[in-house]
Amino acid sequence: MTDFTFSLLISMCRMNAGADMRPLQVRLLRAAPPDPSPWLDFFGGEVCFGANQDSLLFDGATVDRPLPTGNQELAATFDQILNEQLAALTPTDLRTRCKALLLQQLTSGTPSQEELAEQVHMTSRTLHRKLAEQGLSFSSLLDETRYDLAVKYLKDPSRSVTEITFLLGFSEHSAFTRAFKRWSGQAPTSYRAQSQTVH
């Protein structure tokens, strides 16, 4: 998602500021891909994978350069609209970001609220408060993420229940079975059999 968002932002900037516009540095939380050349070719500057944050760095001259199509009155109007939209999207964004990060952590074991808070650059207490404001909690988000993923995996006949148990961060098959029964009212094997019958 970050790759897509950054590429969209850069493309939009180049449409307005010129095709030669490029960031000095792109920092990405994601691990380096086997072939980083498409990222290097597109961004045109230094790309750092495995960074401690997702960010774009521009030099001052590029940032301060007037836009050929600049219009201060329109810009002020667009700023207001954008701020209103960002304010409306903020709750959804936190939920989405947290679920995406939980997905990354699951195969390494059971994620913790402290680890998640660190990745969204908050204290554990602040994350707890912001989630509570949306009627959420760390445990409910973890359950939601695991359930969504479990349903997807169980519909794939090539994955065994043992493999799914590991992918969801459960240490034992019985723990996964108990959790899935709590989420859906069925055992994983029963859900799989039913979904295969339906399809």
N, C-alpha and C. Protein backbone atom coordinates (compact mmCIF):
# COMPACT_ATOMS: atom_id res chain seq x y z
N MET A 1 0.83 -1.20 0.00
CA MET A 1 0.00 0.00 0.00
C MET A 1 0.87 1.26 0.00
N THR A 2 1.98 1.22 0.76
CA THR A 2 2.87 2.39 0.78
C THR A 2 3.52 2.59 -0.58
N ASP A 3 3.95 1.50 -1.22
CA ASP A 3 4.53 1.61 -2.56
C ASP A 3 3.54 2.31 -3.50
N PHE A 4 2.29 1.88 -3.44
CA PHE A 4 1.26 2.44 -4.31
C PHE A 4 1.03 3.92 -3.99
N THR A 5 0.91 4.23 -2.70
CA THR A 5 0.64 5.61 -2.28
C THR A 5 1.77 6.55 -2.69
N PHE A 6 3.01 6.13 -2.43
CA PHE A 6 4.15 6.99 -2.78
C PHE A 6 4.27 7.17 -4.29
N SER A 7 4.05 6.10 -5.04
CA SER A 7 4.15 6.22 -6.50
C SER A 7 3.06 7.14 -7.04
N LEU A 8 1.87 7.07 -6.44
CA LEU A 8 0.78 7.96 -6.86
C LEU A 8 1.11 9.42 -6.55
N LEU A 9 1.65 9.66 -5.35
CA LEU A 9 2.02 11.02 -4.97
C LEU A 9 3.08 11.60 -5.91
N ILE A 10 4.10 10.79 -6.19
CA ILE A 10 5.18 11.27 -7.07
C ILE A 10 4.65 11.53 -8.47
N SER A 11 3.79 10.65 -8.96
CA SER A 11 3.21 10.84 -10.29
C SER A 11 2.41 12.13 -10.37
N MET A 12 1.62 12.40 -9.32
CA MET A 12 0.84 13.63 -9.29
C MET A 12 1.75 14.86 -9.23
N CYS A 13 2.82 14.76 -8.44
CA CYS A 13 3.76 15.88 -8.35
C CYS A 13 4.42 16.14 -9.70
N ARG A 14 4.77 15.08 -10.41
CA ARG A 14 5.43 15.24 -11.71
C ARG A 14 4.48 15.82 -12.74
N MET A 15 3.19 15.51 -12.61
CA MET A 15 2.20 16.09 -13.53
C MET A 15 2.13 17.61 -13.35
N ASN A 16 2.33 18.06 -12.10
CA ASN A 16 2.21 19.49 -11.81
C ASN A 16 3.54 20.23 -11.87
N ALA A 17 4.61 19.58 -11.44
CA ALA A 17 5.90 20.27 -11.32
C ALA A 17 6.89 19.93 -12.41
N GLY A 18 6.59 18.91 -13.21
CA GLY A 18 7.51 18.52 -14.27
C GLY A 18 8.02 17.11 -14.08
N ALA A 19 8.30 16.45 -15.18
CA ALA A 19 8.69 15.03 -15.15
C ALA A 19 10.03 14.80 -14.48
N ASP A 20 10.84 15.88 -14.32
CA ASP A 20 12.16 15.70 -13.72
C ASP A 20 12.13 15.76 -12.20
N MET A 21 10.96 15.99 -11.60
CA MET A 21 10.85 16.09 -10.16
C MET A 21 11.12 14.72 -9.52
N ARG A 22 12.04 14.68 -8.56
CA ARG A 22 12.35 13.41 -7.89
C ARG A 22 12.75 13.68 -6.45
N PRO A 23 12.41 12.78 -5.53
CA PRO A 23 12.82 12.95 -4.13
C PRO A 23 14.31 12.64 -3.96
N LEU A 24 14.91 13.27 -2.96
CA LEU A 24 16.29 12.95 -2.65
C LEU A 24 16.42 11.54 -2.09
N GLN A 25 15.42 11.19 -1.27
CA GLN A 25 15.48 9.88 -0.60
C GLN A 25 14.07 9.36 -0.35
N VAL A 26 13.91 8.07 -0.54
CA VAL A 26 12.66 7.39 -0.23
C VAL A 26 12.98 6.34 0.82
N ARG A 27 12.29 6.40 1.97
CA ARG A 27 12.50 5.42 3.04
C ARG A 27 11.26 4.56 3.17
N LEU A 28 11.46 3.24 3.18
CA LEU A 28 10.34 2.30 3.21
C LEU A 28 10.54 1.28 4.33
N LEU A 29 9.47 1.04 5.08
CA LEU A 29 9.52 0.03 6.13
C LEU A 29 9.69 -1.37 5.54
N ARG A 30 9.16 -1.59 4.37
CA ARG A 30 9.15 -2.92 3.75
C ARG A 30 10.58 -3.42 3.52
N ALA A 31 10.69 -4.75 3.51
CA ALA A 31 11.99 -5.36 3.23
C ALA A 31 12.35 -5.15 1.76
N ALA A 32 13.63 -5.19 1.48
CA ALA A 32 14.09 -5.01 0.10
C ALA A 32 13.59 -6.14 -0.78
N PRO A 33 13.05 -5.83 -1.96
CA PRO A 33 12.61 -6.88 -2.88
C PRO A 33 13.82 -7.55 -3.53
N PRO A 34 13.64 -8.71 -4.14
CA PRO A 34 14.77 -9.38 -4.82
C PRO A 34 15.41 -8.49 -5.88
N ASP A 35 14.58 -7.71 -6.57
CA ASP A 35 15.09 -6.81 -7.61
C ASP A 35 14.59 -5.39 -7.32
N PRO A 36 15.43 -4.54 -6.72
CA PRO A 36 14.97 -3.18 -6.37
C PRO A 36 15.01 -2.19 -7.54
N SER A 37 15.45 -2.63 -8.70
CA SER A 37 15.63 -1.69 -9.82
C SER A 37 14.35 -0.94 -10.22
N PRO A 38 13.15 -1.56 -10.20
CA PRO A 38 11.96 -0.78 -10.57
C PRO A 38 11.73 0.40 -9.63
N TRP A 39 12.02 0.23 -8.33
CA TRP A 39 11.86 1.33 -7.36
C TRP A 39 12.89 2.43 -7.65
N LEU A 40 14.13 2.01 -7.89
CA LEU A 40 15.19 2.98 -8.17
C LEU A 40 14.92 3.74 -9.45
N ASP A 41 14.44 3.02 -10.48
CA ASP A 41 14.15 3.67 -11.77
C ASP A 41 13.01 4.66 -11.64
N PHE A 42 11.96 4.29 -10.88
CA PHE A 42 10.79 5.15 -10.79
C PHE A 42 11.07 6.39 -9.95
N PHE A 43 11.59 6.20 -8.74
CA PHE A 43 11.77 7.34 -7.84
C PHE A 43 12.96 8.21 -8.26
N GLY A 44 13.99 7.61 -8.83
CA GLY A 44 15.10 8.38 -9.35
C GLY A 44 16.08 8.89 -8.32
N GLY A 45 15.89 8.53 -7.06
CA GLY A 45 16.81 8.94 -6.01
C GLY A 45 17.19 7.75 -5.16
N GLU A 46 17.70 8.00 -3.99
CA GLU A 46 18.09 6.92 -3.08
C GLU A 46 16.84 6.28 -2.48
N VAL A 47 16.78 4.95 -2.49
CA VAL A 47 15.67 4.22 -1.90
C VAL A 47 16.22 3.32 -0.79
N CYS A 48 15.76 3.54 0.43
CA CYS A 48 16.24 2.77 1.59
C CYS A 48 15.15 1.81 2.05
N PHE A 49 15.38 0.53 1.89
CA PHE A 49 14.43 -0.48 2.36
C PHE A 49 14.76 -0.88 3.79
N GLY A 50 13.75 -1.40 4.51
CA GLY A 50 13.96 -1.79 5.90
C GLY A 50 14.22 -0.61 6.81
N ALA A 51 13.68 0.56 6.44
CA ALA A 51 13.88 1.77 7.25
C ALA A 51 12.98 1.75 8.48
N ASN A 52 13.17 2.71 9.38
CA ASN A 52 12.35 2.75 10.59
C ASN A 52 11.05 3.53 10.39
N GLN A 53 10.85 4.04 9.18
CA GLN A 53 9.60 4.73 8.88
C GLN A 53 9.43 4.83 7.36
N ASP A 54 8.19 5.09 6.92
CA ASP A 54 7.91 5.37 5.52
C ASP A 54 7.96 6.89 5.34
N SER A 55 8.82 7.39 4.45
CA SER A 55 8.92 8.84 4.28
C SER A 55 9.53 9.19 2.93
N LEU A 56 9.25 10.42 2.50
CA LEU A 56 9.84 10.99 1.29
C LEU A 56 10.60 12.24 1.69
N LEU A 57 11.82 12.40 1.18
CA LEU A 57 12.64 13.58 1.48
C LEU A 57 12.93 14.34 0.19
N PHE A 58 12.61 15.65 0.20
CA PHE A 58 12.87 16.52 -0.95
C PHE A 58 13.82 17.63 -0.55
N ASP A 59 14.57 18.14 -1.52
CA ASP A 59 15.43 19.28 -1.24
C ASP A 59 14.60 20.55 -1.24
N GLY A 60 15.13 21.58 -0.55
CA GLY A 60 14.39 22.83 -0.39
C GLY A 60 14.04 23.50 -1.69
N ALA A 61 14.95 23.46 -2.67
CA ALA A 61 14.70 24.13 -3.94
C ALA A 61 13.51 23.53 -4.67
N THR A 62 13.39 22.21 -4.62
CA THR A 62 12.25 21.54 -5.27
C THR A 62 10.95 21.89 -4.58
N VAL A 63 10.97 21.89 -3.26
CA VAL A 63 9.75 22.19 -2.50
C VAL A 63 9.29 23.63 -2.72
N ASP A 64 10.24 24.56 -2.80
CA ASP A 64 9.89 25.98 -2.93
C ASP A 64 9.66 26.43 -4.36
N ARG A 65 9.92 25.56 -5.33
CA ARG A 65 9.78 25.95 -6.74
C ARG A 65 8.32 26.23 -7.08
N PRO A 66 8.00 27.39 -7.65
CA PRO A 66 6.61 27.70 -8.00
C PRO A 66 6.07 26.73 -9.04
N LEU A 67 4.81 26.38 -8.89
CA LEU A 67 4.17 25.49 -9.86
C LEU A 67 3.79 26.30 -11.11
N PRO A 68 4.03 25.72 -12.27
CA PRO A 68 3.65 26.42 -13.51
C PRO A 68 2.16 26.72 -13.57
N THR A 69 1.37 25.86 -12.97
CA THR A 69 -0.10 26.04 -13.01
C THR A 69 -0.64 26.52 -11.67
N GLY A 70 0.22 27.12 -10.84
CA GLY A 70 -0.17 27.51 -9.49
C GLY A 70 -1.28 28.54 -9.46
N ASN A 71 -2.18 28.41 -8.48
CA ASN A 71 -3.27 29.36 -8.28
C ASN A 71 -3.55 29.39 -6.78
N GLN A 72 -3.20 30.48 -6.10
CA GLN A 72 -3.30 30.53 -4.64
C GLN A 72 -4.74 30.39 -4.16
N GLU A 73 -5.66 30.99 -4.89
CA GLU A 73 -7.06 30.92 -4.46
C GLU A 73 -7.58 29.49 -4.53
N LEU A 74 -7.29 28.83 -5.66
CA LEU A 74 -7.71 27.43 -5.78
C LEU A 74 -6.99 26.54 -4.75
N ALA A 75 -5.71 26.82 -4.52
CA ALA A 75 -4.94 26.02 -3.57
C ALA A 75 -5.55 26.11 -2.18
N ALA A 76 -5.98 27.29 -1.76
CA ALA A 76 -6.59 27.46 -0.45
C ALA A 76 -7.89 26.66 -0.35
N THR A 77 -8.66 26.67 -1.43
CA THR A 77 -9.91 25.90 -1.45
C THR A 77 -9.63 24.41 -1.36
N PHE A 78 -8.66 23.95 -2.15
CA PHE A 78 -8.32 22.53 -2.14
C PHE A 78 -7.75 22.10 -0.79
N ASP A 79 -6.96 22.98 -0.16
CA ASP A 79 -6.42 22.67 1.17
C ASP A 79 -7.54 22.42 2.17
N GLN A 80 -8.56 23.26 2.11
CA GLN A 80 -9.69 23.12 3.03
C GLN A 80 -10.42 21.79 2.80
N ILE A 81 -10.65 21.48 1.52
CA ILE A 81 -11.33 20.22 1.19
C ILE A 81 -10.50 19.03 1.65
N LEU A 82 -9.19 19.09 1.38
CA LEU A 82 -8.30 17.99 1.75
C LEU A 82 -8.27 17.79 3.25
N ASN A 83 -8.18 18.89 4.01
CA ASN A 83 -8.16 18.78 5.47
C ASN A 83 -9.43 18.14 6.01
N GLU A 84 -10.58 18.50 5.42
CA GLU A 84 -11.85 17.91 5.85
C GLU A 84 -11.89 16.42 5.55
N GLN A 85 -11.38 16.04 4.36
CA GLN A 85 -11.37 14.63 3.98
C GLN A 85 -10.41 13.83 4.86
N LEU A 86 -9.25 14.41 5.16
CA LEU A 86 -8.28 13.72 6.01
C LEU A 86 -8.85 13.53 7.42
N ALA A 87 -9.55 14.54 7.92
CA ALA A 87 -10.15 14.43 9.24
C ALA A 87 -11.17 13.29 9.28
N ALA A 88 -11.94 13.15 8.19
CA ALA A 88 -12.94 12.09 8.13
C ALA A 88 -12.31 10.72 7.98
N LEU A 89 -11.15 10.66 7.31
CA LEU A 89 -10.51 9.37 7.04
C LEU A 89 -9.58 8.90 8.15
N THR A 90 -9.23 9.77 9.08
CA THR A 90 -8.25 9.42 10.10
C THR A 90 -8.62 8.17 10.90
N PRO A 91 -9.86 8.02 11.40
CA PRO A 91 -10.19 6.80 12.14
C PRO A 91 -10.00 5.54 11.31
N THR A 92 -10.48 5.57 10.06
CA THR A 92 -10.34 4.40 9.20
C THR A 92 -8.88 4.10 8.93
N ASP A 93 -8.10 5.16 8.75
CA ASP A 93 -6.69 4.97 8.43
C ASP A 93 -5.97 4.25 9.56
N LEU A 94 -6.23 4.63 10.81
CA LEU A 94 -5.56 3.98 11.94
C LEU A 94 -5.93 2.51 12.00
N ARG A 95 -7.19 2.23 11.81
CA ARG A 95 -7.63 0.83 11.84
C ARG A 95 -6.95 0.03 10.73
N THR A 96 -6.94 0.60 9.53
CA THR A 96 -6.32 -0.08 8.39
C THR A 96 -4.84 -0.29 8.60
N ARG A 97 -4.16 0.76 9.08
CA ARG A 97 -2.72 0.66 9.33
C ARG A 97 -2.42 -0.41 10.36
N CYS A 98 -3.19 -0.42 11.43
CA CYS A 98 -2.97 -1.41 12.49
C CYS A 98 -3.18 -2.83 11.98
N LYS A 99 -4.22 -3.04 11.20
CA LYS A 99 -4.48 -4.39 10.68
C LYS A 99 -3.39 -4.82 9.72
N ALA A 100 -2.93 -3.89 8.90
CA ALA A 100 -1.86 -4.23 7.95
C ALA A 100 -0.58 -4.61 8.70
N LEU A 101 -0.27 -3.89 9.77
CA LEU A 101 0.93 -4.19 10.54
C LEU A 101 0.78 -5.49 11.31
N LEU A 102 -0.42 -5.76 11.80
CA LEU A 102 -0.66 -7.02 12.50
C LEU A 102 -0.47 -8.21 11.56
N LEU A 103 -0.88 -8.04 10.32
CA LEU A 103 -0.70 -9.11 9.33
C LEU A 103 0.78 -9.43 9.16
N GLN A 104 1.62 -8.39 9.17
CA GLN A 104 3.06 -8.60 9.01
C GLN A 104 3.66 -9.32 10.22
N GLN A 105 3.10 -9.08 11.41
CA GLN A 105 3.68 -9.62 12.63
C GLN A 105 3.23 -11.05 12.93
N LEU A 106 2.10 -11.45 12.37
CA LEU A 106 1.48 -12.71 12.79
C LEU A 106 2.37 -13.93 12.61
N THR A 107 3.09 -14.03 11.50
CA THR A 107 3.88 -15.24 11.26
C THR A 107 5.11 -15.31 12.14
N SER A 108 5.40 -14.25 12.89
CA SER A 108 6.53 -14.27 13.81
C SER A 108 6.10 -14.59 15.24
N GLY A 109 4.84 -14.90 15.41
CA GLY A 109 4.32 -15.18 16.75
C GLY A 109 3.15 -14.27 17.06
N THR A 110 2.80 -14.19 18.31
CA THR A 110 1.67 -13.37 18.72
C THR A 110 2.10 -11.91 18.83
N PRO A 111 1.50 -11.00 18.06
CA PRO A 111 1.87 -9.58 18.14
C PRO A 111 1.51 -9.01 19.50
N SER A 112 2.20 -7.97 19.91
CA SER A 112 1.90 -7.29 21.16
C SER A 112 1.47 -5.86 20.88
N GLN A 113 0.74 -5.29 21.83
CA GLN A 113 0.29 -3.91 21.68
C GLN A 113 1.48 -2.97 21.67
N GLU A 114 2.51 -3.29 22.45
CA GLU A 114 3.71 -2.44 22.51
C GLU A 114 4.41 -2.40 21.14
N GLU A 115 4.52 -3.55 20.49
CA GLU A 115 5.15 -3.60 19.17
C GLU A 115 4.34 -2.82 18.15
N LEU A 116 3.02 -2.98 18.20
CA LEU A 116 2.16 -2.26 17.27
C LEU A 116 2.25 -0.76 17.49
N ALA A 117 2.23 -0.34 18.75
CA ALA A 117 2.32 1.09 19.07
C ALA A 117 3.62 1.69 18.54
N GLU A 118 4.70 0.94 18.68
CA GLU A 118 5.98 1.43 18.19
C GLU A 118 5.96 1.62 16.68
N GLN A 119 5.29 0.71 15.97
CA GLN A 119 5.26 0.78 14.51
C GLN A 119 4.39 1.92 14.00
N VAL A 120 3.39 2.33 14.78
CA VAL A 120 2.56 3.47 14.36
C VAL A 120 3.04 4.75 15.05
N HIS A 121 4.22 4.68 15.68
CA HIS A 121 4.87 5.85 16.27
C HIS A 121 4.02 6.50 17.37
N MET A 122 3.50 5.65 18.26
CA MET A 122 2.75 6.11 19.41
C MET A 122 3.21 5.33 20.64
N THR A 123 2.89 5.87 21.80
CA THR A 123 3.07 5.08 23.01
C THR A 123 1.93 4.07 23.09
N SER A 124 2.14 3.03 23.85
CA SER A 124 1.09 2.02 24.00
C SER A 124 -0.18 2.63 24.58
N ARG A 125 -0.01 3.56 25.49
CA ARG A 125 -1.16 4.21 26.12
C ARG A 125 -1.93 5.07 25.11
N THR A 126 -1.20 5.79 24.27
CA THR A 126 -1.86 6.63 23.26
C THR A 126 -2.61 5.78 22.25
N LEU A 127 -1.99 4.68 21.81
CA LEU A 127 -2.67 3.79 20.87
C LEU A 127 -3.93 3.22 21.49
N HIS A 128 -3.85 2.79 22.75
CA HIS A 128 -5.02 2.26 23.45
C HIS A 128 -6.15 3.30 23.48
N ARG A 129 -5.79 4.56 23.76
CA ARG A 129 -6.80 5.61 23.83
C ARG A 129 -7.43 5.90 22.47
N LYS A 130 -6.59 5.97 21.42
CA LYS A 130 -7.11 6.28 20.09
C LYS A 130 -7.99 5.15 19.56
N LEU A 131 -7.63 3.92 19.86
CA LEU A 131 -8.48 2.79 19.46
C LEU A 131 -9.79 2.81 20.22
N ALA A 132 -9.72 3.11 21.51
CA ALA A 132 -10.93 3.16 22.33
C ALA A 132 -11.90 4.23 21.85
N GLU A 133 -11.36 5.34 21.33
CA GLU A 133 -12.21 6.41 20.79
C GLU A 133 -13.03 5.93 19.61
N GLN A 134 -12.55 4.87 18.94
CA GLN A 134 -13.26 4.31 17.79
C GLN A 134 -14.02 3.04 18.16
N GLY A 135 -14.12 2.77 19.46
CA GLY A 135 -14.81 1.57 19.91
C GLY A 135 -14.02 0.30 19.65
N LEU A 136 -12.69 0.43 19.56
CA LEU A 136 -11.83 -0.70 19.26
C LEU A 136 -10.86 -0.96 20.40
N SER A 137 -10.20 -2.09 20.34
CA SER A 137 -9.13 -2.42 21.27
C SER A 137 -8.09 -3.23 20.51
N PHE A 138 -6.91 -3.36 21.08
CA PHE A 138 -5.87 -4.15 20.43
C PHE A 138 -6.33 -5.59 20.23
N SER A 139 -6.94 -6.18 21.27
CA SER A 139 -7.37 -7.58 21.17
C SER A 139 -8.46 -7.77 20.13
N SER A 140 -9.38 -6.81 20.03
CA SER A 140 -10.46 -6.95 19.04
C SER A 140 -9.91 -6.82 17.62
N LEU A 141 -8.92 -5.92 17.43
CA LEU A 141 -8.30 -5.78 16.11
C LEU A 141 -7.52 -7.03 15.73
N LEU A 142 -6.81 -7.61 16.72
CA LEU A 142 -6.05 -8.82 16.47
C LEU A 142 -6.99 -9.97 16.10
N ASP A 143 -8.09 -10.09 16.84
CA ASP A 143 -9.07 -11.14 16.53
C ASP A 143 -9.67 -10.93 15.14
N GLU A 144 -10.01 -9.69 14.83
CA GLU A 144 -10.61 -9.38 13.52
C GLU A 144 -9.65 -9.71 12.39
N THR A 145 -8.39 -9.36 12.58
CA THR A 145 -7.38 -9.62 11.56
C THR A 145 -7.17 -11.12 11.38
N ARG A 146 -7.06 -11.83 12.49
CA ARG A 146 -6.86 -13.28 12.43
C ARG A 146 -8.06 -13.98 11.80
N TYR A 147 -9.25 -13.54 12.16
CA TYR A 147 -10.44 -14.19 11.60
C TYR A 147 -10.53 -13.97 10.09
N ASP A 148 -10.34 -12.73 9.64
CA ASP A 148 -10.39 -12.43 8.21
C ASP A 148 -9.37 -13.29 7.45
N LEU A 149 -8.18 -13.41 8.02
CA LEU A 149 -7.12 -14.17 7.37
C LEU A 149 -7.42 -15.67 7.41
N ALA A 150 -7.97 -16.12 8.54
CA ALA A 150 -8.29 -17.54 8.68
C ALA A 150 -9.32 -17.97 7.65
N VAL A 151 -10.35 -17.15 7.46
CA VAL A 151 -11.39 -17.46 6.47
C VAL A 151 -10.79 -17.56 5.08
N LYS A 152 -9.90 -16.64 4.75
CA LYS A 152 -9.26 -16.65 3.44
C LYS A 152 -8.42 -17.92 3.26
N TYR A 153 -7.64 -18.27 4.28
CA TYR A 153 -6.77 -19.43 4.18
C TYR A 153 -7.58 -20.74 4.12
N LEU A 154 -8.66 -20.82 4.90
CA LEU A 154 -9.44 -22.05 4.93
C LEU A 154 -10.14 -22.32 3.60
N LYS A 155 -10.35 -21.28 2.82
CA LYS A 155 -10.97 -21.47 1.51
C LYS A 155 -9.96 -21.92 0.46
N ASP A 156 -8.70 -21.96 0.86
CA ASP A 156 -7.63 -22.43 -0.03
C ASP A 156 -7.31 -23.87 0.33
N PRO A 157 -7.76 -24.84 -0.47
CA PRO A 157 -7.56 -26.26 -0.13
C PRO A 157 -6.10 -26.69 -0.10
N SER A 158 -5.21 -25.88 -0.65
CA SER A 158 -3.79 -26.26 -0.68
C SER A 158 -3.11 -26.02 0.67
N ARG A 159 -3.78 -25.30 1.57
CA ARG A 159 -3.18 -25.01 2.88
C ARG A 159 -3.77 -25.93 3.94
N SER A 160 -2.92 -26.58 4.71
CA SER A 160 -3.38 -27.44 5.79
C SER A 160 -3.75 -26.60 7.01
N VAL A 161 -4.57 -27.15 7.89
CA VAL A 161 -4.95 -26.43 9.11
C VAL A 161 -3.72 -26.17 9.98
N THR A 162 -2.77 -27.09 9.95
CA THR A 162 -1.53 -26.89 10.71
C THR A 162 -0.76 -25.69 10.18
N GLU A 163 -0.67 -25.56 8.86
CA GLU A 163 0.01 -24.41 8.26
C GLU A 163 -0.71 -23.12 8.61
N ILE A 164 -2.03 -23.14 8.55
CA ILE A 164 -2.83 -21.95 8.86
C ILE A 164 -2.61 -21.54 10.32
N THR A 165 -2.53 -22.53 11.19
CA THR A 165 -2.28 -22.26 12.61
C THR A 165 -1.01 -21.44 12.77
N PHE A 166 0.05 -21.85 12.07
CA PHE A 166 1.33 -21.13 12.14
C PHE A 166 1.21 -19.74 11.53
N LEU A 167 0.57 -19.65 10.37
CA LEU A 167 0.46 -18.36 9.68
C LEU A 167 -0.29 -17.32 10.49
N LEU A 168 -1.19 -17.78 11.35
CA LEU A 168 -1.98 -16.86 12.17
C LEU A 168 -1.31 -16.55 13.50
N GLY A 169 -0.14 -17.15 13.74
CA GLY A 169 0.59 -16.84 14.96
C GLY A 169 0.20 -17.64 16.18
N PHE A 170 -0.55 -18.73 15.98
CA PHE A 170 -0.91 -19.60 17.10
C PHE A 170 0.18 -20.65 17.28
N SER A 171 0.48 -20.95 18.54
CA SER A 171 1.54 -21.93 18.81
C SER A 171 1.03 -23.37 18.74
N GLU A 172 -0.28 -23.55 18.91
CA GLU A 172 -0.85 -24.90 18.91
C GLU A 172 -2.14 -24.94 18.09
N HIS A 173 -2.38 -26.12 17.49
CA HIS A 173 -3.59 -26.32 16.70
C HIS A 173 -4.83 -26.13 17.56
N SER A 174 -4.79 -26.62 18.80
CA SER A 174 -5.96 -26.52 19.68
C SER A 174 -6.30 -25.06 19.99
N ALA A 175 -5.29 -24.20 20.11
CA ALA A 175 -5.54 -22.78 20.39
C ALA A 175 -6.25 -22.12 19.21
N PHE A 176 -5.83 -22.46 17.99
CA PHE A 176 -6.49 -21.93 16.81
C PHE A 176 -7.93 -22.42 16.73
N THR A 177 -8.14 -23.71 17.01
CA THR A 177 -9.50 -24.27 16.95
C THR A 177 -10.42 -23.57 17.94
N ARG A 178 -9.96 -23.36 19.16
CA ARG A 178 -10.78 -22.68 20.16
C ARG A 178 -11.11 -21.25 19.72
N ALA A 179 -10.10 -20.56 19.19
CA ALA A 179 -10.33 -19.17 18.76
C ALA A 179 -11.32 -19.11 17.60
N PHE A 180 -11.16 -20.01 16.63
CA PHE A 180 -12.05 -19.97 15.46
C PHE A 180 -13.49 -20.32 15.86
N LYS A 181 -13.64 -21.23 16.82
CA LYS A 181 -14.99 -21.53 17.31
C LYS A 181 -15.61 -20.31 17.98
N ARG A 182 -14.78 -19.56 18.68
CA ARG A 182 -15.27 -18.34 19.34
C ARG A 182 -15.68 -17.30 18.31
N TRP A 183 -14.93 -17.20 17.20
CA TRP A 183 -15.24 -16.22 16.17
C TRP A 183 -16.45 -16.60 15.33
N SER A 184 -16.53 -17.87 14.96
CA SER A 184 -17.53 -18.28 13.96
C SER A 184 -18.57 -19.27 14.46
N GLY A 185 -18.31 -19.88 15.62
CA GLY A 185 -19.23 -20.90 16.13
C GLY A 185 -18.97 -22.27 15.55
N GLN A 186 -17.93 -22.38 14.72
CA GLN A 186 -17.59 -23.66 14.09
C GLN A 186 -16.11 -23.96 14.26
N ALA A 187 -15.77 -25.25 14.15
CA ALA A 187 -14.37 -25.64 14.11
C ALA A 187 -13.82 -25.31 12.72
N PRO A 188 -12.53 -25.07 12.59
CA PRO A 188 -11.95 -24.75 11.28
C PRO A 188 -12.24 -25.81 10.22
N THR A 189 -12.15 -27.10 10.59
CA THR A 189 -12.41 -28.18 9.63
C THR A 189 -13.86 -28.17 9.16
N SER A 190 -14.78 -27.88 10.08
CA SER A 190 -16.20 -27.82 9.71
C SER A 190 -16.46 -26.65 8.78
N TYR A 191 -15.84 -25.49 9.08
CA TYR A 191 -16.02 -24.33 8.22
C TYR A 191 -15.48 -24.60 6.83
N ARG A 192 -14.30 -25.24 6.75
CA ARG A 192 -13.70 -25.55 5.46
C ARG A 192 -14.61 -26.49 4.66
N ALA A 193 -15.11 -27.52 5.29
CA ALA A 193 -15.97 -28.47 4.59
C ALA A 193 -17.23 -27.79 4.08
N GLN A 194 -17.81 -26.90 4.91
CA GLN A 194 -19.02 -26.20 4.50
C GLN A 194 -18.76 -25.24 3.33
N SER A 195 -17.65 -24.52 3.39
CA SER A 195 -17.35 -23.56 2.33
C SER A 195 -17.06 -24.26 1.01
N GLN A 196 -16.44 -25.44 1.06
CA GLN A 196 -16.16 -26.19 -0.15
C GLN A 196 -17.44 -26.76 -0.76
N THR A 197 -18.40 -27.12 0.12
CA THR A 197 -19.68 -27.63 -0.36
C THR A 197 -20.46 -26.52 -1.07
N VAL A 198 -20.40 -25.31 -0.49
CA VAL A 198 -21.12 -24.17 -1.07
C VAL A 198 -20.57 -23.82 -2.42
N HIS A 199 -19.22 -23.86 -2.56
CA HIS A 199 -18.59 -23.48 -3.83
C HIS A 199 -18.44 -24.68 -4.76
